[in-house]
Amino acid sequence: MAPTTRTARFLMAGVAAAVALALTAIIWLRQPPFDTRFNGAYRRADGCLIVITPREGRVLRYRMMDGESSALWPVDEASFEAGPGWAERRPVLLRLTFRFGSAGRPEAFTWRQSERELPAERLPLPETLFDFHSDGLRLRGKLVTPVGTGPFPAVVIVHGSGEESAVDSYSDPYLFAANGIATVVYDKRGTGESEGKYTQNFEVLANDVLAAVGWLRSRPEIDPERIHLAGYSQGGWIAPLAARRDGKIRSLLIGYGPAVPVVAEDRWGYVYALREKGYGDEVIARADAISDLIGAILDRGENRWSELGRALDAVKEEPWLPVVRGSDSALGFVTASRMPLWGVRLYAWWRLGKTNGRPFIDRLYDPAPTIEALHSTPSLWIFGGEDQSMPTEWSIAVLERLRAGGRPIQIRVYPRADHGILRFQIGIGGERRYLGHETGYFASEVDWLRLQSGLPSVGSVEPENR
């Protein structure tokens, strides 16, 4: 029976991998490439800074220093329109019409809103596309510098878990360069135009960050003594690890990134959802028991799939299960999946398997010792108080303990913000309708990098300080 079992497993795994790869290819082919022609920072006639980057395909997104942001939907080749909130197109409240230069590059736009009509000019921020190498792979990066000769302070963006091209879609380089801070962003391995296989292995990704820092230090327009790291979401695990290894990073800026292990961040997804619906410790303990089974499978390689199936069957009629289903957690994924459990098993094998002997992600990694080892590297941690996917209160508890031990840590909290420091309203069905970023968030980021670089403040609006 053993050879037959092995053959069956091999065939099932092969079919699952083939199906997954085919679905990935179909999704990729269906998604139009980002329209990057409009990428940049623009200065409106009233002095307002506006950063424009793609959202998806030809749909753009604008962001302003005060946090206002919305999608820009294409009307024709040069015109876009926006509605209320973060993503609505109707009713139309804003129209932008771009003017193209002789090289076919957008150089300015007219902002039409209510009775206002204001021109805006693109800032001439120099951009350099480049390749660098890490672990034998070629990675694609982009350097955006302020206007002038330098040497400039600089920051390397440390990505979240997304698989989109950061070079093509991230707005941070333009925001920071427009405020005097040169910025490097790059496509993570396995994304955009970078080589390699996509991974969430923090050790591997920290080495890629160090390779980007090494390239940046070689540039004559950059001050090698004033290089910062800015880690967002999952980058909150990676940036401190890279800073510890480098030893010369000027400061860390962490946006909505965790200071707890991955398993704790994962647990928060369903704990938050259950708390929001009024469930208490007894129900959370029942969800924990199932989550612990998933953890035993994923983190310790235990074959407890049958036990997991029985546990899921035992709670399938309980009223709290729909609340957990689809939450930002492994439990949420498993309970929301339409695949049978054997399909989830094959997907986990395909997605979470090792590459070159390295795990896809180490869910047991605890960042606290790494942060504690950064004795003289100042860090600013920015949180949303209503973050559904990242445990703000648990992370703050860790950081406050480390700060009490003498670590140079600052904490800022936007009490009513979600992940991404996004403002929101609760819709009729209870869903969150996003409105833009919190007022003062972007200015707080810029201020931190400028002050840590020895430059004057831009005058941020301060959130709650902890």
Protein backbone atom coordinates (compact mmCIF):
# COMPACT_ATOMS: atom_id res chain seq x y z
CA MET A 1 0.00 0.00 0.00
CA ALA A 2 2.86 2.38 0.70
CA PRO A 3 3.95 2.83 -2.97
CA THR A 4 0.34 3.39 -4.02
CA THR A 5 -0.14 5.96 -1.28
CA ARG A 6 3.02 7.79 -2.26
CA THR A 7 2.00 7.76 -5.92
CA ALA A 8 -1.45 9.08 -5.10
CA ARG A 9 0.00 11.84 -2.99
CA PHE A 10 2.44 12.72 -5.75
CA LEU A 11 -0.31 12.88 -8.37
CA MET A 12 -2.62 14.89 -6.14
CA ALA A 13 0.17 17.32 -5.32
CA GLY A 14 1.08 17.63 -8.98
CA VAL A 15 -2.51 18.30 -10.01
CA ALA A 16 -2.90 20.86 -7.24
CA ALA A 17 0.28 22.65 -8.23
CA ALA A 18 -0.69 22.65 -11.90
CA VAL A 19 -4.16 24.01 -11.14
CA ALA A 20 -2.76 26.68 -8.84
CA LEU A 21 -0.19 27.76 -11.41
CA ALA A 22 -2.83 27.86 -14.15
CA LEU A 23 -5.16 29.98 -12.00
CA THR A 24 -2.29 32.31 -11.15
CA ALA A 25 -1.46 32.70 -14.84
CA ILE A 26 -5.11 33.39 -15.73
CA ILE A 27 -5.43 36.03 -13.00
CA TRP A 28 -2.16 37.63 -14.05
CA LEU A 29 -3.15 37.73 -17.71
CA ARG A 30 -6.52 39.27 -16.89
CA GLN A 31 -5.03 42.12 -14.91
CA PRO A 32 -3.96 45.04 -17.09
CA PRO A 33 -0.53 46.51 -16.36
CA PHE A 34 -0.25 49.63 -14.24
CA ASP A 35 -0.39 52.91 -16.14
CA THR A 36 2.75 54.53 -14.72
CA ARG A 37 2.88 57.59 -17.00
CA PHE A 38 1.20 59.80 -14.40
CA ASN A 39 3.39 58.72 -11.47
CA GLY A 40 4.82 61.65 -9.59
CA ALA A 41 4.40 64.52 -7.17
CA TYR A 42 2.49 67.61 -8.32
CA ARG A 43 2.30 71.03 -6.69
CA ARG A 44 -1.04 72.79 -6.99
CA ALA A 45 -1.21 76.57 -7.37
CA ASP A 46 -2.34 76.92 -3.75
CA GLY A 47 0.79 75.07 -2.56
CA CYS A 48 -0.91 71.71 -1.95
CA LEU A 49 1.26 68.64 -2.68
CA ILE A 50 -0.53 65.83 -4.54
CA VAL A 51 1.03 62.42 -5.24
CA ILE A 52 -0.41 60.30 -8.05
CA THR A 53 0.30 56.59 -8.64
CA PRO A 54 -1.70 53.66 -10.10
CA ARG A 55 -4.41 51.82 -8.22
CA GLU A 56 -5.03 49.15 -10.86
CA GLY A 57 -4.69 49.20 -14.62
CA ARG A 58 -5.62 52.68 -15.85
CA VAL A 59 -7.31 53.60 -12.56
CA LEU A 60 -5.09 55.97 -10.58
CA ARG A 61 -5.05 57.14 -6.97
CA TYR A 62 -4.18 60.55 -5.60
CA ARG A 63 -2.97 61.30 -2.08
CA MET A 64 -2.57 64.69 -0.41
CA MET A 65 -0.47 65.66 2.58
CA ASP A 66 -3.58 66.14 4.73
CA GLY A 67 -4.62 62.52 4.09
CA GLU A 68 -7.30 63.19 1.47
CA SER A 69 -7.24 60.41 -1.12
CA SER A 70 -9.45 58.82 -3.73
CA ALA A 71 -9.38 56.72 -6.87
CA LEU A 72 -9.16 58.50 -10.22
CA TRP A 73 -11.24 56.80 -12.89
CA PRO A 74 -10.28 57.33 -16.57
CA VAL A 75 -12.70 59.26 -18.76
CA ASP A 76 -10.41 59.53 -21.77
CA GLU A 77 -6.67 59.57 -22.42
CA ALA A 78 -6.08 62.77 -20.45
CA SER A 79 -9.08 63.13 -18.11
CA PHE A 80 -9.99 61.40 -14.85
CA GLU A 81 -12.81 61.73 -12.34
CA ALA A 82 -13.27 60.86 -8.67
CA GLY A 83 -16.21 60.42 -6.35
CA PRO A 84 -16.54 60.51 -2.56
CA GLY A 85 -14.46 58.35 -0.27
CA TRP A 86 -11.57 56.03 -1.07
CA ALA A 87 -13.00 54.11 -4.03
CA GLU A 88 -16.36 55.48 -5.27
CA ARG A 89 -16.76 56.91 -8.75
CA ARG A 90 -20.26 58.35 -8.35
CA PRO A 91 -21.34 61.01 -7.77
CA VAL A 92 -18.45 62.74 -9.51
CA LEU A 93 -16.95 65.39 -7.22
CA LEU A 94 -13.59 65.99 -8.87
CA ARG A 95 -12.16 66.08 -12.40
CA LEU A 96 -8.50 66.15 -13.39
CA THR A 97 -7.34 66.97 -16.92
CA PHE A 98 -3.67 66.36 -17.67
CA ARG A 99 -1.45 68.26 -20.07
CA PHE A 100 1.22 66.25 -21.84
CA GLY A 101 4.66 67.49 -22.78
CA SER A 102 6.49 67.05 -26.05
CA ALA A 103 7.76 63.61 -24.96
CA GLY A 104 4.24 62.42 -24.24
CA ARG A 105 4.77 62.61 -20.48
CA PRO A 106 2.14 64.28 -18.26
CA GLU A 107 3.61 67.56 -17.00
CA ALA A 108 0.63 69.28 -15.35
CA PHE A 109 -3.08 68.97 -14.67
CA THR A 110 -6.09 71.15 -13.97
CA TRP A 111 -8.00 70.37 -10.78
CA ARG A 112 -11.75 71.04 -11.07
CA GLN A 113 -13.79 70.65 -7.90
CA SER A 114 -17.08 72.44 -7.17
CA GLU A 115 -16.43 76.02 -8.26
CA ARG A 116 -12.66 75.71 -7.95
CA GLU A 117 -10.30 75.31 -10.88
CA LEU A 118 -6.61 75.13 -9.98
CA PRO A 119 -3.56 74.29 -12.08
CA ALA A 120 -0.87 71.93 -10.79
CA GLU A 121 2.68 71.38 -12.06
CA ARG A 122 4.66 68.16 -11.86
CA LEU A 123 7.75 68.44 -9.66
CA PRO A 124 10.95 67.62 -11.57
CA LEU A 125 12.06 64.87 -9.18
CA PRO A 126 14.87 62.84 -10.78
CA GLU A 127 14.13 59.11 -11.10
CA THR A 128 16.68 56.34 -11.66
CA LEU A 129 15.66 52.78 -12.50
CA PHE A 130 18.35 50.30 -11.57
CA ASP A 131 19.11 46.63 -10.99
CA PHE A 132 20.89 45.21 -7.98
CA HIS A 133 21.65 41.68 -6.89
CA SER A 134 20.84 39.69 -3.78
CA ASP A 135 21.29 35.98 -3.21
CA GLY A 136 22.22 35.58 -6.87
CA LEU A 137 18.98 37.19 -8.06
CA ARG A 138 18.48 40.35 -10.07
CA LEU A 139 16.04 42.75 -8.37
CA ARG A 140 14.61 45.90 -9.96
CA GLY A 141 14.67 49.15 -8.01
CA LYS A 142 13.87 52.83 -8.39
CA LEU A 143 15.59 55.81 -6.76
CA VAL A 144 13.67 59.09 -6.57
CA THR A 145 15.68 62.08 -5.37
CA PRO A 146 14.80 65.64 -4.38
CA VAL A 147 15.55 68.54 -6.67
CA GLY A 148 19.14 69.71 -6.12
CA THR A 149 22.62 68.26 -5.89
CA GLY A 150 22.76 66.55 -2.47
CA PRO A 151 24.15 64.63 -0.78
CA PHE A 152 20.64 63.79 0.41
CA PRO A 153 19.40 61.76 3.35
CA ALA A 154 17.63 58.67 2.06
CA VAL A 155 15.15 55.96 3.03
CA VAL A 156 14.66 52.43 1.72
CA ILE A 157 11.04 51.25 1.64
CA VAL A 158 10.54 47.81 3.20
CA HIS A 159 7.41 46.27 1.74
CA GLY A 160 4.34 44.71 3.16
CA SER A 161 3.12 41.30 2.04
CA GLY A 162 1.61 42.41 -1.28
CA GLU A 163 2.73 40.88 -4.56
CA GLU A 164 2.24 43.93 -6.79
CA SER A 165 5.14 45.84 -8.33
CA ALA A 166 6.28 48.34 -5.72
CA VAL A 167 8.41 50.17 -8.28
CA ASP A 168 5.35 50.88 -10.40
CA SER A 169 2.71 51.49 -7.73
CA TYR A 170 4.18 52.85 -4.47
CA SER A 171 3.55 56.51 -3.68
CA ASP A 172 6.10 56.87 -0.84
CA PRO A 173 9.11 57.71 -3.05
CA TYR A 174 7.38 60.81 -4.43
CA LEU A 175 6.00 61.90 -1.07
CA PHE A 176 9.39 61.68 0.63
CA ALA A 177 11.50 63.04 -2.26
CA ALA A 178 9.18 66.05 -2.54
CA ASN A 179 10.02 66.70 1.12
CA GLY A 180 13.81 66.41 0.84
CA ILE A 181 14.35 62.66 1.43
CA ALA A 182 15.70 60.50 -1.41
CA THR A 183 13.87 57.18 -1.58
CA VAL A 184 14.56 53.70 -2.90
CA VAL A 185 11.75 51.27 -3.62
CA TYR A 186 12.20 47.91 -5.28
CA ASP A 187 10.21 44.94 -6.51
CA LYS A 188 10.49 42.12 -4.00
CA ARG A 189 11.84 38.85 -5.33
CA GLY A 190 9.14 37.11 -7.34
CA THR A 191 7.16 40.32 -7.95
CA GLY A 192 7.15 42.96 -10.69
CA GLU A 193 10.31 42.65 -12.78
CA SER A 194 12.48 41.08 -10.07
CA GLU A 195 13.74 37.53 -10.33
CA GLY A 196 13.15 34.73 -7.86
CA LYS A 197 10.18 33.15 -6.14
CA TYR A 198 7.83 35.18 -3.98
CA THR A 199 8.39 34.49 -0.29
CA GLN A 200 7.55 35.86 3.12
CA ASN A 201 10.71 34.53 4.73
CA PHE A 202 11.91 37.43 6.90
CA GLU A 203 15.55 36.34 6.94
CA VAL A 204 15.68 36.21 3.14
CA LEU A 205 13.79 39.49 2.69
CA ALA A 206 16.02 41.28 5.23
CA ASN A 207 19.05 40.30 3.14
CA ASP A 208 17.37 41.83 0.09
CA VAL A 209 16.88 45.06 2.06
CA LEU A 210 20.59 45.10 2.93
CA ALA A 211 21.48 44.66 -0.74
CA ALA A 212 19.34 47.69 -1.60
CA VAL A 213 21.01 49.69 1.21
CA GLY A 214 24.43 48.69 -0.11
CA TRP A 215 23.54 49.93 -3.59
CA LEU A 216 22.21 53.19 -2.14
CA ARG A 217 25.37 53.84 -0.11
CA SER A 218 27.41 53.72 -3.30
CA ARG A 219 25.58 56.67 -4.85
CA PRO A 220 27.36 60.04 -4.83
CA GLU A 221 24.11 62.00 -4.38
CA ILE A 222 23.32 60.11 -1.14
CA ASP A 223 24.71 60.75 2.34
CA PRO A 224 25.67 57.22 3.50
CA GLU A 225 25.44 58.29 7.17
CA ARG A 226 21.78 59.30 6.86
CA ILE A 227 20.02 56.21 5.52
CA HIS A 228 16.73 55.15 7.12
CA LEU A 229 14.40 52.19 6.70
CA ALA A 230 10.62 52.55 6.42
CA GLY A 231 8.78 49.28 6.98
CA TYR A 232 5.05 48.93 6.42
CA SER A 233 2.77 46.16 7.68
CA GLN A 234 4.83 42.96 7.22
CA GLY A 235 7.82 45.25 6.75
CA GLY A 236 7.56 45.89 10.50
CA TRP A 237 9.06 42.44 11.02
CA ILE A 238 11.68 42.80 8.29
CA ALA A 239 13.04 46.35 8.75
CA PRO A 240 14.30 45.91 12.36
CA LEU A 241 15.94 42.63 11.36
CA ALA A 242 17.77 44.36 8.49
CA ALA A 243 18.72 47.31 10.71
CA ARG A 244 20.18 45.00 13.34
CA ARG A 245 22.30 43.21 10.75
CA ASP A 246 23.45 46.43 9.08
CA GLY A 247 24.38 48.29 12.26
CA LYS A 248 24.51 51.73 10.59
CA ILE A 249 20.86 52.53 9.82
CA ARG A 250 20.07 56.06 11.01
CA SER A 251 16.47 55.35 12.12
CA LEU A 252 13.44 53.15 11.61
CA LEU A 253 9.98 54.32 10.57
CA ILE A 254 7.40 51.55 11.06
CA GLY A 255 3.89 52.04 9.73
CA TYR A 256 1.18 49.73 11.16
CA GLY A 257 3.75 46.95 11.60
CA PRO A 258 3.64 44.31 14.36
CA ALA A 259 5.98 43.90 17.32
CA VAL A 260 4.58 40.43 18.10
CA PRO A 261 5.12 37.00 16.48
CA VAL A 262 3.25 36.12 13.30
CA VAL A 263 1.05 33.65 15.19
CA ALA A 264 -0.13 36.48 17.46
CA GLU A 265 -0.80 38.77 14.51
CA ASP A 266 -2.72 35.92 12.86
CA ARG A 267 -4.78 35.32 16.02
CA TRP A 268 -5.69 39.01 16.23
CA GLY A 269 -7.64 38.77 12.95
CA TYR A 270 -10.38 36.62 14.42
CA VAL A 271 -10.14 37.93 17.99
CA TYR A 272 -10.82 41.46 16.73
CA ALA A 273 -13.74 40.27 14.59
CA LEU A 274 -15.32 38.39 17.49
CA ARG A 275 -14.87 41.29 19.91
CA GLU A 276 -16.51 43.64 17.41
CA LYS A 277 -19.61 41.44 17.42
CA GLY A 278 -19.74 41.24 21.21
CA TYR A 279 -18.36 37.75 21.73
CA GLY A 280 -16.32 37.12 24.87
CA ASP A 281 -13.55 34.90 26.13
CA GLU A 282 -15.50 31.62 25.95
CA VAL A 283 -16.11 31.88 22.21
CA ILE A 284 -12.61 33.20 21.59
CA ALA A 285 -11.26 30.10 23.39
CA ARG A 286 -13.28 27.86 21.04
CA ALA A 287 -11.84 29.68 18.03
CA ASP A 288 -8.37 29.45 19.60
CA ALA A 289 -8.66 25.68 19.87
CA ILE A 290 -9.25 25.33 16.14
CA SER A 291 -6.57 27.91 15.33
CA ASP A 292 -4.14 25.93 17.49
CA LEU A 293 -4.79 22.86 15.33
CA ILE A 294 -4.01 24.88 12.21
CA GLY A 295 -0.85 26.14 13.90
CA ALA A 296 0.23 22.60 14.78
CA ILE A 297 -0.12 21.67 11.11
CA LEU A 298 1.54 24.77 9.65
CA ASP A 299 4.21 25.49 12.25
CA ARG A 300 5.18 22.07 13.54
CA GLY A 301 4.34 19.86 10.58
CA GLU A 302 1.92 17.68 12.54
CA ASN A 303 -0.53 15.59 10.51
CA ARG A 304 -3.73 16.64 12.26
CA TRP A 305 -5.92 17.34 9.25
CA SER A 306 -8.54 14.76 10.22
CA GLU A 307 -8.74 16.24 13.70
CA LEU A 308 -9.11 19.69 12.15
CA GLY A 309 -11.95 18.43 9.97
CA ARG A 310 -13.82 17.05 12.97
CA ALA A 311 -13.31 20.29 14.91
CA LEU A 312 -14.70 22.34 12.03
CA ASP A 313 -17.71 20.03 11.69
CA ALA A 314 -18.42 20.41 15.42
CA VAL A 315 -18.83 24.19 15.17
CA LYS A 316 -20.32 24.58 11.69
CA GLU A 317 -23.75 25.54 13.07
CA GLU A 318 -22.50 27.86 15.84
CA PRO A 319 -23.45 31.53 15.41
CA TRP A 320 -19.94 32.88 15.86
CA LEU A 321 -18.44 30.95 12.94
CA PRO A 322 -19.64 33.38 10.23
CA VAL A 323 -17.90 36.18 12.16
CA VAL A 324 -14.57 34.33 12.06
CA ARG A 325 -15.06 33.25 8.44
CA GLY A 326 -12.99 35.48 6.17
CA SER A 327 -11.23 37.31 9.00
CA ASP A 328 -7.58 38.21 8.38
CA SER A 329 -6.23 34.96 9.81
CA ALA A 330 -5.42 31.38 8.85
CA LEU A 331 -8.60 30.36 10.65
CA GLY A 332 -10.52 32.88 8.58
CA PHE A 333 -9.05 31.49 5.35
CA VAL A 334 -9.79 27.86 6.22
CA THR A 335 -13.36 28.51 7.33
CA ALA A 336 -14.12 30.73 4.33
CA SER A 337 -12.59 28.44 1.71
CA ARG A 338 -14.98 26.76 -0.69
CA MET A 339 -12.43 24.03 -1.27
CA PRO A 340 -12.82 20.75 0.61
CA LEU A 341 -10.29 20.33 3.37
CA TRP A 342 -8.09 18.10 1.22
CA GLY A 343 -7.94 20.97 -1.28
CA VAL A 344 -6.90 23.39 1.46
CA ARG A 345 -4.24 20.87 2.45
CA LEU A 346 -2.84 20.74 -1.07
CA TYR A 347 -2.96 24.51 -1.37
CA ALA A 348 -1.04 24.85 1.91
CA TRP A 349 1.53 22.35 0.65
CA TRP A 350 1.95 24.32 -2.59
CA ARG A 351 1.91 27.80 -1.10
CA LEU A 352 3.80 27.28 2.13
CA GLY A 353 6.40 24.73 1.04
CA LYS A 354 10.11 25.37 1.38
CA THR A 355 12.23 27.03 -1.31
CA ASN A 356 15.91 26.09 -1.32
CA GLY A 357 15.43 24.62 2.14
CA ARG A 358 13.93 27.85 3.50
CA PRO A 359 10.38 28.03 4.88
CA PHE A 360 7.92 30.31 3.09
CA ILE A 361 7.32 32.11 6.39
CA ASP A 362 8.37 31.56 10.00
CA ARG A 363 5.14 32.13 11.91
CA LEU A 364 6.94 31.62 15.22
CA TYR A 365 9.44 34.43 14.65
CA ASP A 366 9.38 36.85 17.60
CA PRO A 367 10.58 40.37 16.67
CA ALA A 368 10.97 41.57 20.28
CA PRO A 369 14.59 40.35 20.77
CA THR A 370 15.57 41.97 17.47
CA ILE A 371 14.00 45.31 18.45
CA GLU A 372 15.56 45.05 21.89
CA ALA A 373 19.01 44.64 20.28
CA LEU A 374 18.65 48.03 18.53
CA HIS A 375 20.14 49.90 21.49
CA SER A 376 20.94 53.15 19.68
CA THR A 377 18.71 53.09 16.59
CA PRO A 378 15.70 55.37 17.12
CA SER A 379 12.38 54.11 15.83
CA LEU A 380 8.91 55.55 15.35
CA TRP A 381 5.97 53.12 15.32
CA ILE A 382 2.69 54.42 13.90
CA PHE A 383 -0.52 52.50 14.62
CA GLY A 384 -4.22 52.59 13.88
CA GLY A 385 -6.36 52.05 16.96
CA GLU A 386 -9.02 50.16 14.93
CA ASP A 387 -6.65 47.99 12.90
CA GLN A 388 -8.48 44.77 11.98
CA SER A 389 -5.42 42.80 10.88
CA MET A 390 -2.57 43.99 13.11
CA PRO A 391 -2.70 43.80 16.93
CA THR A 392 -2.07 47.41 17.89
CA GLU A 393 -2.65 46.98 21.62
CA TRP A 394 -0.47 43.85 21.85
CA SER A 395 2.34 45.48 19.84
CA ILE A 396 2.24 48.63 21.94
CA ALA A 397 2.55 46.55 25.12
CA VAL A 398 5.76 44.98 23.77
CA LEU A 399 7.18 48.32 22.64
CA GLU A 400 6.38 50.06 25.91
CA ARG A 401 8.21 47.30 27.79
CA LEU A 402 11.24 47.72 25.54
CA ARG A 403 11.11 51.50 25.85
CA ALA A 404 11.02 51.18 29.62
CA GLY A 405 14.25 49.22 29.24
CA GLY A 406 15.92 52.18 27.57
CA ARG A 407 15.30 51.56 23.87
CA PRO A 408 14.81 54.77 21.81
CA ILE A 409 11.26 53.97 20.72
CA GLN A 410 8.47 56.45 19.96
CA ILE A 411 4.84 55.42 19.45
CA ARG A 412 2.04 57.34 17.74
CA VAL A 413 -1.54 56.14 17.61
CA TYR A 414 -4.40 57.28 15.41
CA PRO A 415 -7.21 55.92 17.62
CA ARG A 416 -9.90 55.60 14.93
CA ALA A 417 -7.74 54.41 12.03
CA ASP A 418 -7.64 50.99 10.37
CA HIS A 419 -4.66 49.25 8.73
CA GLY A 420 -2.81 51.69 6.48
CA ILE A 421 -3.83 54.47 8.88
CA LEU A 422 -7.06 54.75 6.91
CA ARG A 423 -10.09 56.72 8.05
CA PHE A 424 -13.42 54.95 7.63
CA GLN A 425 -17.16 55.08 8.18
CA ILE A 426 -19.37 52.09 8.94
CA GLY A 427 -21.72 51.37 6.04
CA ILE A 428 -25.33 50.19 6.20
CA GLY A 429 -24.28 46.53 6.14
CA GLY A 430 -21.61 47.03 8.78
CA GLU A 431 -18.75 47.12 6.29
CA ARG A 432 -16.04 49.75 6.47
CA ARG A 433 -16.18 52.50 3.86
CA TYR A 434 -12.74 54.04 3.59
CA LEU A 435 -12.38 57.79 3.24
CA GLY A 436 -8.63 58.37 3.00
CA HIS A 437 -5.66 58.52 5.35
CA GLU A 438 -5.76 60.18 8.76
CA THR A 439 -4.95 63.88 8.88
CA GLY A 440 -1.34 64.37 9.93
CA TYR A 441 -0.18 60.82 9.12
CA PHE A 442 1.93 61.68 6.06
CA ALA A 443 3.33 64.80 7.71
CA SER A 444 4.28 62.74 10.76
CA GLU A 445 6.23 60.33 8.56
CA VAL A 446 7.99 63.14 6.74
CA ASP A 447 8.76 64.95 9.99
CA TRP A 448 10.35 61.86 11.53
CA LEU A 449 12.66 61.28 8.57
CA ARG A 450 13.58 64.96 8.32
CA LEU A 451 14.25 65.42 12.03
CA GLN A 452 16.29 62.21 12.21
CA SER A 453 18.27 63.56 9.24
CA GLY A 454 18.95 66.90 10.91
CA LEU A 455 16.44 68.82 8.79
CA PRO A 456 13.67 71.12 10.06
CA SER A 457 10.10 69.94 10.57
CA VAL A 458 7.40 70.46 7.96
CA GLY A 459 4.90 71.06 10.79
CA SER A 460 2.97 67.82 11.25
CA VAL A 461 -0.35 67.43 13.00
CA GLU A 462 0.41 65.18 15.96
CA PRO A 463 -1.71 62.14 16.77
CA GLU A 464 -1.96 60.64 20.22
CA ASN A 465 1.58 60.03 21.52
CA ARG A 466 2.35 57.05 23.74
